[in-house]
Amino acid sequence: MAVVGHSAGGCARPVRPGLYAVTSPVEMADGGVPVLAIHGAADEVVPAEFSRTCAKSHALAEFVESPGGDHFSVIEPDGHARKWLREKLS
């Protein structure tokens, strides 16, 4: 989702609204595919509410908040998100 912010101008009010509309997971139509939104609760770059809203807008989505996780902790090999995902897939 960080890529979305960057490609849309990196701000809350997109510089290029047309691009934002076709790249934002929140704005995209529900494609009928499973969506997993994992977000660090302590993310100071992108609020967790962004992923929570994204998950609510898709019928097959699940939102997981990583306790104490920051912006990058969701990709750490030993982080909560990876542990949760490994358990879910086993």
C-alpha atoms as a PDB file:
ATOM      1  CA  MET A   1       0.000   0.000   0.000  1.00  0.00           C
ATOM      2  CA  ALA A   2       2.997   2.266   0.372  1.00  0.00           C
ATOM      3  CA  VAL A   3       3.412   2.029  -3.399  1.00  0.00           C
ATOM      4  CA  VAL A   4      -0.100   3.390  -3.834  1.00  0.00           C
ATOM      5  CA  GLY A   5       0.716   6.456  -1.748  1.00  0.00           C
ATOM      6  CA  HIS A   6       3.899   7.106  -3.696  1.00  0.00           C
ATOM      7  CA  SER A   7       2.352   6.651  -7.144  1.00  0.00           C
ATOM      8  CA  ALA A   8      -0.577   8.888  -6.237  1.00  0.00           C
ATOM      9  CA  GLY A   9       1.651  11.728  -5.160  1.00  0.00           C
ATOM     10  CA  GLY A  10       2.334  10.531  -1.607  1.00  0.00           C
ATOM     11  CA  CYS A  11      -0.303  12.635   0.082  1.00  0.00           C
ATOM     12  CA  ALA A  12      -3.809  12.350   1.517  1.00  0.00           C
ATOM     13  CA  ARG A  13      -5.224  14.518  -1.279  1.00  0.00           C
ATOM     14  CA  PRO A  14      -3.901  12.880  -4.445  1.00  0.00           C
ATOM     15  CA  VAL A  15      -2.050  15.045  -6.914  1.00  0.00           C
ATOM     16  CA  ARG A  16      -3.245  12.762  -9.733  1.00  0.00           C
ATOM     17  CA  PRO A  17      -6.829  11.704  -8.839  1.00  0.00           C
ATOM     18  CA  GLY A  18      -7.269   9.587 -11.990  1.00  0.00           C
ATOM     19  CA  LEU A  19      -4.221   7.510 -11.140  1.00  0.00           C
ATOM     20  CA  TYR A  20      -5.307   7.254  -7.503  1.00  0.00           C
ATOM     21  CA  ALA A  21      -8.735   5.923  -8.519  1.00  0.00           C
ATOM     22  CA  VAL A  22      -7.217   2.987 -10.420  1.00  0.00           C
ATOM     23  CA  THR A  23      -4.404   2.147  -7.959  1.00  0.00           C
ATOM     24  CA  SER A  24      -5.962   2.636  -4.529  1.00  0.00           C
ATOM     25  CA  PRO A  25      -7.136  -0.650  -2.956  1.00  0.00           C
ATOM     26  CA  VAL A  26      -9.882   1.308  -1.201  1.00  0.00           C
ATOM     27  CA  GLU A  27     -11.172   2.874  -4.437  1.00  0.00           C
ATOM     28  CA  MET A  28     -10.920  -0.267  -6.596  1.00  0.00           C
ATOM     29  CA  ALA A  29     -14.025  -2.365  -7.047  1.00  0.00           C
ATOM     30  CA  ASP A  30     -14.202  -5.655  -5.185  1.00  0.00           C
ATOM     31  CA  GLY A  31     -12.626  -8.108  -7.618  1.00  0.00           C
ATOM     32  CA  GLY A  32     -14.056 -11.182  -5.931  1.00  0.00           C
ATOM     33  CA  VAL A  33     -10.641 -12.430  -4.847  1.00  0.00           C
ATOM     34  CA  PRO A  34      -9.357 -12.900  -1.295  1.00  0.00           C
ATOM     35  CA  VAL A  35      -7.559  -9.901   0.191  1.00  0.00           C
ATOM     36  CA  LEU A  36      -5.355  -9.999   3.274  1.00  0.00           C
ATOM     37  CA  ALA A  37      -4.639  -6.586   4.780  1.00  0.00           C
ATOM     38  CA  ILE A  38      -1.958  -6.751   7.495  1.00  0.00           C
ATOM     39  CA  HIS A  39      -1.045  -3.469   9.142  1.00  0.00           C
ATOM     40  CA  GLY A  40       1.175  -2.452  12.065  1.00  0.00           C
ATOM     41  CA  ALA A  41      -0.798  -0.831  14.885  1.00  0.00           C
ATOM     42  CA  ALA A  42       2.041   1.646  15.538  1.00  0.00           C
ATOM     43  CA  ASP A  43       2.546   2.632  11.877  1.00  0.00           C
ATOM     44  CA  GLU A  44       3.240   6.381  11.810  1.00  0.00           C
ATOM     45  CA  VAL A  45       3.596   6.538   8.009  1.00  0.00           C
ATOM     46  CA  VAL A  46       0.204   5.153   6.969  1.00  0.00           C
ATOM     47  CA  PRO A  47      -2.544   4.863   9.598  1.00  0.00           C
ATOM     48  CA  ALA A  48      -3.895   1.340  10.220  1.00  0.00           C
ATOM     49  CA  GLU A  49      -7.340   2.732   9.414  1.00  0.00           C
ATOM     50  CA  PHE A  50      -6.323   2.768   5.740  1.00  0.00           C
ATOM     51  CA  SER A  51      -5.984  -1.035   5.647  1.00  0.00           C
ATOM     52  CA  ARG A  52      -9.032  -1.484   7.861  1.00  0.00           C
ATOM     53  CA  THR A  53     -11.104   0.578   5.406  1.00  0.00           C
ATOM     54  CA  CYS A  54      -9.659  -1.347   2.469  1.00  0.00           C
ATOM     55  CA  ALA A  55     -10.655  -4.662   4.052  1.00  0.00           C
ATOM     56  CA  LYS A  56     -14.182  -3.421   4.743  1.00  0.00           C
ATOM     57  CA  SER A  57     -14.653  -2.525   1.079  1.00  0.00           C
ATOM     58  CA  HIS A  58     -13.905  -6.051  -0.168  1.00  0.00           C
ATOM     59  CA  ALA A  59     -16.227  -8.993   0.528  1.00  0.00           C
ATOM     60  CA  LEU A  60     -13.447 -11.584   0.777  1.00  0.00           C
ATOM     61  CA  ALA A  61     -11.026  -9.459   2.811  1.00  0.00           C
ATOM     62  CA  GLU A  62      -9.556 -10.054   6.212  1.00  0.00           C
ATOM     63  CA  PHE A  63      -7.862  -7.340   8.277  1.00  0.00           C
ATOM     64  CA  VAL A  64      -5.093  -8.252  10.713  1.00  0.00           C
ATOM     65  CA  GLU A  65      -3.571  -5.602  12.951  1.00  0.00           C
ATOM     66  CA  SER A  66      -0.050  -6.393  14.104  1.00  0.00           C
ATOM     67  CA  PRO A  67       0.229  -5.247  17.752  1.00  0.00           C
ATOM     68  CA  GLY A  68       3.013  -2.696  18.195  1.00  0.00           C
ATOM     69  CA  GLY A  69       4.043  -3.112  14.560  1.00  0.00           C
ATOM     70  CA  ASP A  70       5.396  -0.120  12.673  1.00  0.00           C
ATOM     71  CA  HIS A  71       5.427   0.614   8.943  1.00  0.00           C
ATOM     72  CA  PHE A  72       8.008  -2.044   8.089  1.00  0.00           C
ATOM     73  CA  SER A  73       7.410  -4.694  10.745  1.00  0.00           C
ATOM     74  CA  VAL A  74       4.836  -6.470   8.585  1.00  0.00           C
ATOM     75  CA  ILE A  75       7.654  -7.629   6.273  1.00  0.00           C
ATOM     76  CA  GLU A  76      10.126  -8.687   8.974  1.00  0.00           C
ATOM     77  CA  PRO A  77      10.804 -12.463   8.849  1.00  0.00           C
ATOM     78  CA  ASP A  78      10.299 -12.877  12.610  1.00  0.00           C
ATOM     79  CA  GLY A  79       7.444 -10.377  12.950  1.00  0.00           C
ATOM     80  CA  HIS A  80       3.854 -10.958  14.057  1.00  0.00           C
ATOM     81  CA  ALA A  81       2.477 -10.743  10.526  1.00  0.00           C
ATOM     82  CA  ARG A  82       4.714 -13.495   9.158  1.00  0.00           C
ATOM     83  CA  LYS A  83       3.993 -15.738  12.166  1.00  0.00           C
ATOM     84  CA  TRP A  84       0.263 -15.166  11.724  1.00  0.00           C
ATOM     85  CA  LEU A  85       0.464 -15.897   8.006  1.00  0.00           C
ATOM     86  CA  ARG A  86       2.487 -19.090   8.502  1.00  0.00           C
ATOM     87  CA  GLU A  87      -0.106 -20.351  11.000  1.00  0.00           C
ATOM     88  CA  LYS A  88      -2.965 -19.438   8.666  1.00  0.00           C
ATOM     89  CA  LEU A  89      -1.399 -21.262   5.711  1.00  0.00           C
ATOM     90  CA  SER A  90      -0.500 -24.440   7.606  1.00  0.00           C
END
